[in-house]
Amino acid sequence: MKTSDVILLFDPGHGTREYTKGKRSPDETLFEGEWSREMVARIINVCSDLGLQCINLVPEKEDITRMTRVDRANKIVKNNPSKQCYYISIHINAAGGDIKWHGATGFSVYVSRNASSKSKELAKNIYDTAYDFGLQGNRSIPKEHYWQANYDVIYYTKCPAILTENLFMDNRVEAEYLKSEVGKETICNYHLVGICKTLEIPYSLIIA
């Protein structure tokens, strides 16, 4: 696929600490909305260098509603009928809503239950790359190497769509990894390589 034929739509999950107070590590050193924005910025920077058109759907700090995110994506899809759009929502997981430390671990990537084959291909490529980079799947790993759930942002989007849950912010070890430069680089890279595999474009420079 030619890079000029693709638009990547990135959705950084939730808002920053002022707007989404619950999405944080128990020690308040990791905030999901800020981390997801940093990861989207990193991924877009490299994808742009590869010649891919990228759009950050939520440049604001506020926690934009799920359906607003969907509407923004679907408007771009509608206005670009000759392009293949992909929607990628990036998050950190949490085992509980009590903002306490828990023992759950692992990475997961979701498609909706009405997912297209292209959604499933992208999800599997990202999962398999994450595994190759040394991250383990969350809970019982499906044989397909992706999970299915009807989250609004992947169910209602009118293009291939996935949602990644990148480890657990309420696990002490994983929270430290998520904050580290090694962790950020690894997570950025497995998204990038998974995208490149799906689009069949070279990615060797990413992990050289």
N, C-alpha and C. Protein backbone atom coordinates (compact mmCIF):
# COMPACT_ATOMS: atom_id res chain seq x y z
N MET A 1 0.84 -1.20 0.00
CA MET A 1 0.00 0.00 0.00
C MET A 1 0.88 1.25 0.00
N LYS A 2 0.55 2.23 -0.84
CA LYS A 2 1.30 3.47 -0.85
C LYS A 2 1.01 4.28 0.40
N THR A 3 2.05 4.90 0.95
CA THR A 3 1.83 5.71 2.15
C THR A 3 0.86 6.86 1.87
N SER A 4 0.84 7.35 0.64
CA SER A 4 -0.05 8.46 0.30
C SER A 4 -1.52 8.05 0.28
N ASP A 5 -1.79 6.75 0.31
CA ASP A 5 -3.17 6.26 0.28
C ASP A 5 -3.76 6.07 1.67
N VAL A 6 -3.00 6.40 2.72
CA VAL A 6 -3.39 6.08 4.10
C VAL A 6 -3.51 7.34 4.94
N ILE A 7 -4.48 7.34 5.85
CA ILE A 7 -4.55 8.35 6.92
C ILE A 7 -4.66 7.60 8.24
N LEU A 8 -3.76 7.88 9.15
CA LEU A 8 -3.78 7.28 10.49
C LEU A 8 -4.43 8.26 11.46
N LEU A 9 -5.48 7.82 12.13
CA LEU A 9 -6.23 8.65 13.07
C LEU A 9 -5.92 8.17 14.49
N PHE A 10 -5.25 9.01 15.26
CA PHE A 10 -4.83 8.62 16.60
C PHE A 10 -5.71 9.28 17.65
N ASP A 11 -6.12 8.46 18.62
CA ASP A 11 -7.00 8.91 19.71
C ASP A 11 -6.29 8.67 21.04
N PRO A 12 -5.70 9.72 21.63
CA PRO A 12 -5.09 9.55 22.96
C PRO A 12 -6.18 9.47 24.03
N GLY A 13 -6.20 8.38 24.76
CA GLY A 13 -7.29 8.13 25.69
C GLY A 13 -7.38 9.12 26.84
N HIS A 14 -8.61 9.58 27.11
CA HIS A 14 -8.96 10.39 28.28
C HIS A 14 -8.33 11.78 28.24
N GLY A 15 -8.52 12.52 29.32
CA GLY A 15 -7.99 13.87 29.41
C GLY A 15 -6.80 13.92 30.35
N THR A 16 -6.17 15.09 30.43
CA THR A 16 -5.03 15.25 31.33
C THR A 16 -5.52 15.34 32.78
N ARG A 17 -4.56 15.45 33.69
CA ARG A 17 -4.87 15.30 35.12
C ARG A 17 -5.93 16.29 35.62
N GLU A 18 -6.01 17.47 35.00
CA GLU A 18 -7.00 18.45 35.45
C GLU A 18 -8.42 18.03 35.13
N TYR A 19 -8.57 17.18 34.10
CA TYR A 19 -9.89 16.86 33.59
C TYR A 19 -10.34 15.43 33.86
N THR A 20 -9.39 14.52 34.08
CA THR A 20 -9.74 13.11 34.30
C THR A 20 -8.97 12.62 35.51
N LYS A 21 -9.44 12.98 36.67
CA LYS A 21 -8.67 12.78 37.89
C LYS A 21 -8.50 11.31 38.26
N GLY A 22 -9.42 10.44 37.84
CA GLY A 22 -9.35 9.04 38.25
C GLY A 22 -8.37 8.20 37.47
N LYS A 23 -7.96 8.66 36.30
CA LYS A 23 -7.11 7.86 35.43
C LYS A 23 -5.63 8.12 35.75
N ARG A 24 -5.17 7.52 36.87
CA ARG A 24 -3.81 7.78 37.32
C ARG A 24 -3.31 6.61 38.15
N SER A 25 -2.02 6.56 38.37
CA SER A 25 -1.45 5.56 39.27
C SER A 25 -1.75 5.96 40.71
N PRO A 26 -1.78 4.99 41.63
CA PRO A 26 -2.10 5.31 43.02
C PRO A 26 -1.15 6.33 43.66
N ASP A 27 0.11 6.36 43.21
CA ASP A 27 1.05 7.33 43.78
C ASP A 27 1.06 8.66 43.03
N GLU A 28 0.16 8.80 42.06
CA GLU A 28 -0.02 10.03 41.30
C GLU A 28 1.26 10.48 40.60
N THR A 29 2.01 9.52 40.08
CA THR A 29 3.19 9.86 39.28
C THR A 29 2.97 9.53 37.80
N LEU A 30 1.83 8.92 37.48
CA LEU A 30 1.52 8.53 36.11
C LEU A 30 0.06 8.85 35.84
N PHE A 31 -0.19 9.65 34.81
CA PHE A 31 -1.54 10.06 34.45
C PHE A 31 -1.83 9.59 33.02
N GLU A 32 -2.88 8.80 32.88
CA GLU A 32 -3.14 8.16 31.59
C GLU A 32 -3.28 9.16 30.45
N GLY A 33 -4.04 10.23 30.66
CA GLY A 33 -4.27 11.18 29.59
C GLY A 33 -3.01 11.87 29.10
N GLU A 34 -2.10 12.14 30.02
CA GLU A 34 -0.85 12.78 29.64
C GLU A 34 0.09 11.77 28.96
N TRP A 35 0.15 10.57 29.50
CA TRP A 35 0.99 9.52 28.91
C TRP A 35 0.50 9.18 27.50
N SER A 36 -0.81 9.05 27.32
CA SER A 36 -1.33 8.68 26.00
C SER A 36 -1.05 9.79 24.98
N ARG A 37 -1.10 11.05 25.41
CA ARG A 37 -0.79 12.14 24.50
C ARG A 37 0.69 12.14 24.11
N GLU A 38 1.55 11.84 25.07
CA GLU A 38 2.97 11.74 24.73
C GLU A 38 3.23 10.61 23.74
N MET A 39 2.57 9.46 23.95
CA MET A 39 2.80 8.33 23.05
C MET A 39 2.28 8.65 21.65
N VAL A 40 1.12 9.27 21.54
CA VAL A 40 0.58 9.63 20.23
C VAL A 40 1.54 10.60 19.53
N ALA A 41 2.07 11.57 20.26
CA ALA A 41 3.00 12.53 19.66
C ALA A 41 4.25 11.81 19.14
N ARG A 42 4.77 10.86 19.92
CA ARG A 42 5.96 10.10 19.50
C ARG A 42 5.66 9.28 18.24
N ILE A 43 4.54 8.59 18.25
CA ILE A 43 4.20 7.72 17.12
C ILE A 43 3.96 8.56 15.86
N ILE A 44 3.25 9.66 16.00
CA ILE A 44 2.99 10.53 14.85
C ILE A 44 4.30 11.07 14.28
N ASN A 45 5.22 11.43 15.14
CA ASN A 45 6.49 11.98 14.69
C ASN A 45 7.22 11.00 13.76
N VAL A 46 7.27 9.72 14.15
CA VAL A 46 7.96 8.73 13.32
C VAL A 46 7.14 8.40 12.08
N CYS A 47 5.83 8.23 12.23
CA CYS A 47 4.99 7.92 11.07
C CYS A 47 5.07 9.02 10.02
N SER A 48 5.13 10.26 10.47
CA SER A 48 5.25 11.37 9.53
C SER A 48 6.57 11.30 8.77
N ASP A 49 7.63 10.90 9.47
CA ASP A 49 8.94 10.74 8.82
C ASP A 49 8.89 9.65 7.75
N LEU A 50 7.99 8.67 7.95
CA LEU A 50 7.83 7.58 6.97
C LEU A 50 6.92 7.98 5.81
N GLY A 51 6.40 9.18 5.84
CA GLY A 51 5.55 9.66 4.76
C GLY A 51 4.07 9.40 4.96
N LEU A 52 3.68 9.00 6.16
CA LEU A 52 2.28 8.69 6.45
C LEU A 52 1.56 9.94 6.96
N GLN A 53 0.36 10.16 6.48
CA GLN A 53 -0.46 11.26 6.99
C GLN A 53 -1.09 10.83 8.31
N CYS A 54 -0.90 11.66 9.33
CA CYS A 54 -1.38 11.32 10.67
C CYS A 54 -2.20 12.48 11.22
N ILE A 55 -3.25 12.15 11.95
CA ILE A 55 -4.09 13.17 12.58
C ILE A 55 -4.31 12.79 14.04
N ASN A 56 -4.03 13.72 14.94
CA ASN A 56 -4.36 13.56 16.35
C ASN A 56 -5.80 14.05 16.52
N LEU A 57 -6.69 13.14 16.82
CA LEU A 57 -8.11 13.47 16.92
C LEU A 57 -8.46 14.28 18.15
N VAL A 58 -7.59 14.25 19.16
CA VAL A 58 -7.87 14.96 20.41
C VAL A 58 -6.65 15.79 20.82
N PRO A 59 -6.44 16.92 20.18
CA PRO A 59 -5.32 17.78 20.56
C PRO A 59 -5.56 18.53 21.87
N GLU A 60 -6.82 18.58 22.29
CA GLU A 60 -7.15 19.27 23.54
C GLU A 60 -6.65 18.49 24.77
N LYS A 61 -6.57 19.16 25.90
CA LYS A 61 -6.28 18.51 27.16
C LYS A 61 -7.53 17.93 27.81
N GLU A 62 -8.69 18.44 27.40
CA GLU A 62 -9.96 17.98 27.98
C GLU A 62 -10.26 16.54 27.60
N ASP A 63 -11.10 15.91 28.39
CA ASP A 63 -11.55 14.55 28.11
C ASP A 63 -12.76 14.63 27.17
N ILE A 64 -12.49 14.65 25.88
CA ILE A 64 -13.54 14.74 24.87
C ILE A 64 -14.38 13.46 24.90
N THR A 65 -15.68 13.58 24.72
CA THR A 65 -16.55 12.42 24.83
C THR A 65 -16.21 11.38 23.77
N ARG A 66 -16.57 10.14 24.06
CA ARG A 66 -16.29 9.04 23.12
C ARG A 66 -16.92 9.28 21.76
N MET A 67 -18.18 9.72 21.75
CA MET A 67 -18.86 9.89 20.47
C MET A 67 -18.34 11.12 19.71
N THR A 68 -17.82 12.11 20.41
CA THR A 68 -17.16 13.22 19.72
C THR A 68 -15.92 12.72 19.01
N ARG A 69 -15.17 11.85 19.67
CA ARG A 69 -13.99 11.25 19.03
C ARG A 69 -14.40 10.46 17.78
N VAL A 70 -15.46 9.68 17.93
CA VAL A 70 -15.96 8.91 16.79
C VAL A 70 -16.40 9.83 15.66
N ASP A 71 -17.15 10.88 15.99
CA ASP A 71 -17.64 11.80 14.97
C ASP A 71 -16.49 12.47 14.23
N ARG A 72 -15.45 12.84 14.96
CA ARG A 72 -14.28 13.46 14.31
C ARG A 72 -13.63 12.48 13.33
N ALA A 73 -13.50 11.24 13.76
CA ALA A 73 -12.90 10.23 12.88
C ALA A 73 -13.77 9.99 11.65
N ASN A 74 -15.06 9.82 11.86
CA ASN A 74 -15.95 9.50 10.74
C ASN A 74 -16.06 10.66 9.74
N LYS A 75 -15.93 11.88 10.20
CA LYS A 75 -15.94 13.02 9.29
C LYS A 75 -14.73 12.97 8.36
N ILE A 76 -13.56 12.61 8.92
CA ILE A 76 -12.35 12.51 8.10
C ILE A 76 -12.49 11.37 7.10
N VAL A 77 -13.04 10.24 7.55
CA VAL A 77 -13.26 9.10 6.65
C VAL A 77 -14.17 9.52 5.50
N LYS A 78 -15.26 10.19 5.82
CA LYS A 78 -16.23 10.61 4.80
C LYS A 78 -15.62 11.58 3.79
N ASN A 79 -14.76 12.48 4.29
CA ASN A 79 -14.18 13.51 3.43
C ASN A 79 -12.98 13.02 2.63
N ASN A 80 -12.58 11.78 2.87
CA ASN A 80 -11.42 11.22 2.16
C ASN A 80 -11.76 9.83 1.61
N PRO A 81 -12.71 9.74 0.68
CA PRO A 81 -13.17 8.43 0.21
C PRO A 81 -12.11 7.63 -0.53
N SER A 82 -11.09 8.30 -1.03
CA SER A 82 -10.04 7.57 -1.75
C SER A 82 -8.92 7.08 -0.84
N LYS A 83 -9.00 7.40 0.44
CA LYS A 83 -7.96 7.02 1.38
C LYS A 83 -8.41 5.84 2.25
N GLN A 84 -7.43 5.06 2.73
CA GLN A 84 -7.70 4.03 3.72
C GLN A 84 -7.34 4.60 5.09
N CYS A 85 -8.37 4.83 5.89
CA CYS A 85 -8.15 5.36 7.24
C CYS A 85 -8.06 4.22 8.25
N TYR A 86 -7.24 4.42 9.27
CA TYR A 86 -7.14 3.51 10.40
C TYR A 86 -7.26 4.33 11.69
N TYR A 87 -8.07 3.84 12.61
CA TYR A 87 -8.29 4.53 13.89
C TYR A 87 -7.57 3.74 14.99
N ILE A 88 -6.72 4.44 15.76
CA ILE A 88 -5.91 3.78 16.79
C ILE A 88 -6.07 4.55 18.10
N SER A 89 -6.71 3.93 19.07
CA SER A 89 -6.94 4.54 20.37
C SER A 89 -5.96 3.95 21.39
N ILE A 90 -5.23 4.81 22.09
CA ILE A 90 -4.13 4.37 22.94
C ILE A 90 -4.44 4.67 24.40
N HIS A 91 -4.33 3.63 25.24
CA HIS A 91 -4.70 3.72 26.66
C HIS A 91 -3.69 2.99 27.54
N ILE A 92 -3.85 3.19 28.86
CA ILE A 92 -3.22 2.34 29.88
C ILE A 92 -4.34 1.67 30.64
N ASN A 93 -4.15 0.43 31.01
CA ASN A 93 -5.17 -0.33 31.72
C ASN A 93 -5.12 -0.06 33.23
N ALA A 94 -6.17 -0.51 33.92
CA ALA A 94 -6.23 -0.46 35.39
C ALA A 94 -7.06 -1.65 35.86
N ALA A 95 -6.61 -2.28 36.93
CA ALA A 95 -7.30 -3.47 37.43
C ALA A 95 -8.53 -3.11 38.25
N GLY A 96 -8.53 -1.93 38.84
CA GLY A 96 -9.66 -1.53 39.67
C GLY A 96 -9.89 -0.04 39.57
N GLY A 97 -11.07 0.40 39.98
CA GLY A 97 -11.37 1.83 39.95
C GLY A 97 -11.14 2.49 41.28
N ASP A 98 -10.42 1.82 42.17
CA ASP A 98 -10.24 2.33 43.53
C ASP A 98 -8.93 3.10 43.72
N ILE A 99 -8.14 3.23 42.67
CA ILE A 99 -6.83 3.90 42.71
C ILE A 99 -5.97 3.34 43.83
N LYS A 100 -5.89 2.00 43.86
CA LYS A 100 -5.00 1.28 44.76
C LYS A 100 -4.13 0.36 43.92
N TRP A 101 -3.04 -0.11 44.49
CA TRP A 101 -2.15 -1.01 43.77
C TRP A 101 -2.77 -2.39 43.64
N HIS A 102 -2.62 -2.99 42.46
CA HIS A 102 -3.13 -4.33 42.19
C HIS A 102 -2.06 -5.15 41.49
N GLY A 103 -2.35 -6.42 41.28
CA GLY A 103 -1.35 -7.32 40.71
C GLY A 103 -1.55 -7.66 39.25
N ALA A 104 -2.61 -7.16 38.62
CA ALA A 104 -2.86 -7.49 37.21
C ALA A 104 -1.73 -6.94 36.34
N THR A 105 -1.39 -7.69 35.32
CA THR A 105 -0.30 -7.31 34.43
C THR A 105 -0.69 -7.55 32.98
N GLY A 106 0.05 -6.94 32.07
CA GLY A 106 -0.02 -7.34 30.67
C GLY A 106 -0.58 -6.31 29.72
N PHE A 107 -0.39 -6.63 28.46
CA PHE A 107 -0.77 -5.80 27.32
C PHE A 107 -1.96 -6.45 26.61
N SER A 108 -2.84 -5.64 26.05
CA SER A 108 -3.93 -6.19 25.24
C SER A 108 -4.31 -5.20 24.15
N VAL A 109 -4.87 -5.73 23.09
CA VAL A 109 -5.34 -4.90 21.98
C VAL A 109 -6.73 -5.38 21.58
N TYR A 110 -7.65 -4.43 21.41
CA TYR A 110 -9.06 -4.75 21.19
C TYR A 110 -9.53 -4.34 19.80
N VAL A 111 -10.44 -5.16 19.28
CA VAL A 111 -11.26 -4.77 18.14
C VAL A 111 -12.71 -4.94 18.58
N SER A 112 -13.63 -4.35 17.83
CA SER A 112 -15.05 -4.51 18.16
C SER A 112 -15.54 -5.87 17.67
N ARG A 113 -16.71 -6.25 18.13
CA ARG A 113 -17.28 -7.54 17.71
C ARG A 113 -17.81 -7.49 16.28
N ASN A 114 -17.90 -6.29 15.71
CA ASN A 114 -18.27 -6.17 14.30
C ASN A 114 -17.04 -5.79 13.46
N ALA A 115 -15.87 -6.14 13.95
CA ALA A 115 -14.62 -5.66 13.35
C ALA A 115 -14.40 -6.20 11.94
N SER A 116 -13.79 -5.37 11.11
CA SER A 116 -13.41 -5.78 9.77
C SER A 116 -12.13 -6.62 9.82
N SER A 117 -11.84 -7.25 8.71
CA SER A 117 -10.61 -8.05 8.63
C SER A 117 -9.38 -7.16 8.77
N LYS A 118 -9.46 -5.92 8.29
CA LYS A 118 -8.33 -5.01 8.41
C LYS A 118 -8.11 -4.58 9.86
N SER A 119 -9.18 -4.41 10.61
CA SER A 119 -9.04 -4.14 12.05
C SER A 119 -8.32 -5.28 12.73
N LYS A 120 -8.74 -6.49 12.43
CA LYS A 120 -8.16 -7.68 13.06
C LYS A 120 -6.70 -7.85 12.66
N GLU A 121 -6.39 -7.57 11.42
CA GLU A 121 -5.00 -7.70 10.97
C GLU A 121 -4.10 -6.72 11.70
N LEU A 122 -4.54 -5.46 11.83
CA LEU A 122 -3.74 -4.46 12.54
C LEU A 122 -3.58 -4.84 14.00
N ALA A 123 -4.66 -5.28 14.63
CA ALA A 123 -4.59 -5.67 16.04
C ALA A 123 -3.62 -6.82 16.25
N LYS A 124 -3.71 -7.83 15.42
CA LYS A 124 -2.82 -8.99 15.55
C LYS A 124 -1.37 -8.59 15.32
N ASN A 125 -1.11 -7.75 14.34
CA ASN A 125 0.26 -7.34 14.07
C ASN A 125 0.85 -6.56 15.24
N ILE A 126 0.05 -5.70 15.85
CA ILE A 126 0.55 -4.95 17.01
C ILE A 126 0.76 -5.88 18.20
N TYR A 127 -0.20 -6.79 18.44
CA TYR A 127 -0.02 -7.73 19.55
C TYR A 127 1.24 -8.58 19.34
N ASP A 128 1.40 -9.15 18.16
CA ASP A 128 2.53 -10.03 17.90
C ASP A 128 3.86 -9.29 18.03
N THR A 129 3.88 -8.03 17.59
CA THR A 129 5.11 -7.25 17.73
C THR A 129 5.39 -6.95 19.19
N ALA A 130 4.36 -6.60 19.96
CA ALA A 130 4.55 -6.36 21.39
C ALA A 130 5.12 -7.61 22.07
N TYR A 131 4.59 -8.76 21.70
CA TYR A 131 5.09 -10.02 22.26
C TYR A 131 6.55 -10.24 21.88
N ASP A 132 6.89 -9.97 20.62
CA ASP A 132 8.28 -10.12 20.18
C ASP A 132 9.20 -9.16 20.92
N PHE A 133 8.66 -8.03 21.35
CA PHE A 133 9.45 -7.05 22.09
C PHE A 133 9.52 -7.38 23.58
N GLY A 134 8.90 -8.49 23.99
CA GLY A 134 9.05 -8.96 25.36
C GLY A 134 7.89 -8.69 26.29
N LEU A 135 6.76 -8.19 25.77
CA LEU A 135 5.60 -7.94 26.62
C LEU A 135 4.64 -9.11 26.55
N GLN A 136 4.04 -9.44 27.66
CA GLN A 136 3.10 -10.55 27.74
C GLN A 136 1.67 -10.05 27.61
N GLY A 137 0.81 -10.92 27.10
CA GLY A 137 -0.60 -10.58 26.99
C GLY A 137 -1.28 -10.55 28.33
N ASN A 138 -2.41 -9.89 28.37
CA ASN A 138 -3.19 -9.74 29.58
C ASN A 138 -4.18 -10.90 29.73
N ARG A 139 -4.22 -11.49 30.92
CA ARG A 139 -5.15 -12.57 31.25
C ARG A 139 -4.99 -13.75 30.28
N SER A 140 -6.10 -14.38 29.93
CA SER A 140 -6.08 -15.49 28.99
C SER A 140 -5.99 -14.92 27.57
N ILE A 141 -4.97 -15.32 26.85
CA ILE A 141 -4.72 -14.73 25.53
C ILE A 141 -5.55 -15.45 24.48
N PRO A 142 -6.40 -14.75 23.74
CA PRO A 142 -7.19 -15.39 22.68
C PRO A 142 -6.28 -15.96 21.59
N LYS A 143 -6.73 -17.00 20.97
CA LYS A 143 -5.93 -17.61 19.90
C LYS A 143 -5.71 -16.65 18.74
N GLU A 144 -6.61 -15.69 18.57
CA GLU A 144 -6.49 -14.72 17.48
C GLU A 144 -5.43 -13.65 17.76
N HIS A 145 -5.03 -13.54 19.04
CA HIS A 145 -4.08 -12.54 19.51
C HIS A 145 -4.67 -11.13 19.52
N TYR A 146 -5.98 -11.04 19.66
CA TYR A 146 -6.64 -9.77 19.96
C TYR A 146 -7.90 -10.09 20.75
N TRP A 147 -8.36 -9.10 21.50
CA TRP A 147 -9.57 -9.23 22.29
C TRP A 147 -10.71 -8.52 21.58
N GLN A 148 -11.94 -8.85 21.90
CA GLN A 148 -13.09 -8.21 21.28
C GLN A 148 -14.01 -7.60 22.33
N ALA A 149 -14.40 -6.37 22.12
CA ALA A 149 -15.33 -5.66 23.00
C ALA A 149 -15.96 -4.52 22.22
N ASN A 150 -17.19 -4.20 22.53
CA ASN A 150 -17.89 -3.16 21.76
C ASN A 150 -17.71 -1.78 22.40
N TYR A 151 -16.45 -1.37 22.57
CA TYR A 151 -16.19 -0.01 23.02
C TYR A 151 -16.64 0.96 21.93
N ASP A 152 -17.27 2.05 22.33
CA ASP A 152 -17.84 2.98 21.36
C ASP A 152 -16.84 3.42 20.31
N VAL A 153 -15.61 3.74 20.75
CA VAL A 153 -14.66 4.34 19.82
C VAL A 153 -14.16 3.38 18.75
N ILE A 154 -14.33 2.09 18.96
CA ILE A 154 -13.97 1.15 17.90
C ILE A 154 -15.20 0.50 17.26
N TYR A 155 -16.34 0.59 17.92
CA TYR A 155 -17.56 0.00 17.35
C TYR A 155 -18.20 0.91 16.31
N TYR A 156 -18.21 2.20 16.57
CA TYR A 156 -18.94 3.13 15.72
C TYR A 156 -18.08 3.81 14.66
N THR A 157 -16.79 3.63 14.70
CA THR A 157 -15.94 4.24 13.68
C THR A 157 -16.14 3.52 12.34
N LYS A 158 -16.13 4.30 11.27
CA LYS A 158 -16.41 3.75 9.93
C LYS A 158 -15.12 3.48 9.16
N CYS A 159 -14.18 2.88 9.86
CA CYS A 159 -12.91 2.48 9.26
C CYS A 159 -12.30 1.43 10.19
N PRO A 160 -11.27 0.72 9.76
CA PRO A 160 -10.61 -0.21 10.67
C PRO A 160 -10.19 0.50 11.95
N ALA A 161 -10.46 -0.13 13.10
CA ALA A 161 -10.25 0.54 14.38
C ALA A 161 -9.78 -0.44 15.43
N ILE A 162 -8.82 0.01 16.24
CA ILE A 162 -8.33 -0.80 17.36
C ILE A 162 -8.15 0.08 18.59
N LEU A 163 -8.07 -0.57 19.74
CA LEU A 163 -7.78 0.12 21.00
C LEU A 163 -6.73 -0.70 21.74
N THR A 164 -5.62 -0.06 22.11
CA THR A 164 -4.57 -0.77 22.85
C THR A 164 -4.60 -0.38 24.32
N GLU A 165 -4.44 -1.38 25.18
CA GLU A 165 -4.31 -1.18 26.63
C GLU A 165 -2.88 -1.58 26.99
N ASN A 166 -2.06 -0.59 27.24
CA ASN A 166 -0.61 -0.78 27.35
C ASN A 166 -0.17 -0.91 28.80
N LEU A 167 -0.33 -2.14 29.32
CA LEU A 167 0.05 -2.46 30.70
C LEU A 167 -0.87 -1.77 31.70
N PHE A 168 -0.53 -1.89 33.00
CA PHE A 168 -1.42 -1.45 34.07
C PHE A 168 -0.79 -0.33 34.89
N MET A 169 -1.49 0.78 34.98
CA MET A 169 -0.97 1.90 35.77
C MET A 169 -1.12 1.67 37.27
N ASP A 170 -1.93 0.68 37.67
CA ASP A 170 -2.05 0.39 39.10
C ASP A 170 -1.29 -0.89 39.49
N ASN A 171 -0.31 -1.24 38.68
CA ASN A 171 0.68 -2.27 39.03
C ASN A 171 2.01 -1.53 39.21
N ARG A 172 2.64 -1.69 40.37
CA ARG A 172 3.84 -0.89 40.69
C ARG A 172 4.94 -1.05 39.65
N VAL A 173 5.21 -2.30 39.26
CA VAL A 173 6.31 -2.56 38.33
C VAL A 173 5.98 -1.98 36.95
N GLU A 174 4.75 -2.21 36.49
CA GLU A 174 4.39 -1.74 35.16
C GLU A 174 4.27 -0.22 35.12
N ALA A 175 3.84 0.41 36.21
CA ALA A 175 3.78 1.87 36.25
C ALA A 175 5.17 2.47 36.07
N GLU A 176 6.16 1.87 36.72
CA GLU A 176 7.53 2.37 36.57
C GLU A 176 8.03 2.17 35.14
N TYR A 177 7.68 1.04 34.54
CA TYR A 177 8.08 0.77 33.16
C TYR A 177 7.42 1.77 32.21
N LEU A 178 6.16 2.06 32.43
CA LEU A 178 5.44 2.99 31.57
C LEU A 178 6.04 4.40 31.64
N LYS A 179 6.60 4.75 32.78
CA LYS A 179 7.21 6.08 32.94
C LYS A 179 8.62 6.14 32.39
N SER A 180 9.26 4.99 32.23
CA SER A 180 10.67 4.96 31.83
C SER A 180 10.83 5.24 30.35
N GLU A 181 12.01 5.72 29.97
CA GLU A 181 12.29 5.95 28.55
C GLU A 181 12.31 4.63 27.78
N VAL A 182 12.83 3.58 28.39
CA VAL A 182 12.83 2.27 27.73
C VAL A 182 11.40 1.81 27.46
N GLY A 183 10.54 1.96 28.44
CA GLY A 183 9.15 1.55 28.27
C GLY A 183 8.45 2.36 27.19
N LYS A 184 8.62 3.66 27.23
CA LYS A 184 7.98 4.52 26.22
C LYS A 184 8.48 4.19 24.82
N GLU A 185 9.77 3.99 24.68
CA GLU A 185 10.33 3.67 23.37
C GLU A 185 9.82 2.33 22.86
N THR A 186 9.77 1.33 23.75
CA THR A 186 9.29 0.01 23.36
C THR A 186 7.83 0.06 22.92
N ILE A 187 7.00 0.73 23.70
CA ILE A 187 5.58 0.79 23.38
C ILE A 187 5.35 1.58 22.10
N CYS A 188 6.08 2.66 21.94
CA CYS A 188 6.01 3.42 20.68
C CYS A 188 6.38 2.52 19.50
N ASN A 189 7.47 1.78 19.65
CA ASN A 189 7.99 0.98 18.54
C ASN A 189 7.07 -0.18 18.16
N TYR A 190 6.43 -0.84 19.13
CA TYR A 190 5.59 -1.96 18.71
C TYR A 190 4.32 -1.47 18.03
N HIS A 191 3.84 -0.28 18.37
CA HIS A 191 2.75 0.29 17.58
C HIS A 191 3.23 0.59 16.16
N LEU A 192 4.38 1.22 16.05
CA LEU A 192 4.92 1.60 14.75
C LEU A 192 5.15 0.39 13.85
N VAL A 193 5.79 -0.63 14.38
CA VAL A 193 6.09 -1.81 13.57
C VAL A 193 4.80 -2.53 13.19
N GLY A 194 3.86 -2.63 14.11
CA GLY A 194 2.58 -3.25 13.79
C GLY A 194 1.84 -2.52 12.68
N ILE A 195 1.89 -1.19 12.71
CA ILE A 195 1.28 -0.39 11.66
C ILE A 195 1.98 -0.65 10.33
N CYS A 196 3.32 -0.62 10.34
CA CYS A 196 4.07 -0.82 9.10
C CYS A 196 3.86 -2.21 8.51
N LYS A 197 3.80 -3.22 9.35
CA LYS A 197 3.52 -4.57 8.86
C LYS A 197 2.17 -4.61 8.15
N THR A 198 1.19 -3.97 8.75
CA THR A 198 -0.16 -3.98 8.18
C THR A 198 -0.20 -3.27 6.84
N LEU A 199 0.54 -2.17 6.74
CA LEU A 199 0.54 -1.38 5.51
C LEU A 199 1.57 -1.88 4.50
N GLU A 200 2.35 -2.88 4.91
CA GLU A 200 3.38 -3.47 4.06
C GLU A 200 4.38 -2.41 3.58
N ILE A 201 4.86 -1.63 4.54
CA ILE A 201 5.91 -0.66 4.25
C ILE A 201 7.11 -0.96 5.14
N PRO A 202 8.32 -0.61 4.69
CA PRO A 202 9.53 -0.94 5.47
C PRO A 202 9.52 -0.32 6.86
N TYR A 203 10.01 -1.06 7.83
CA TYR A 203 10.06 -0.54 9.20
C TYR A 203 11.41 -0.81 9.86
N SER A 204 12.40 -1.26 9.12
CA SER A 204 13.67 -1.65 9.73
C SER A 204 14.34 -0.49 10.45
N LEU A 205 14.18 0.73 9.94
CA LEU A 205 14.84 1.87 10.57
C LEU A 205 14.28 2.16 11.96
N ILE A 206 13.03 1.75 12.20
CA ILE A 206 12.41 2.02 13.50
C ILE A 206 13.12 1.27 14.62
N ILE A 207 13.53 0.03 14.34
CA ILE A 207 14.08 -0.81 15.40
C ILE A 207 15.56 -1.09 15.18
N ALA A 208 16.20 -0.30 14.31
CA ALA A 208 17.64 -0.51 14.04
C ALA A 208 18.45 -0.16 15.28
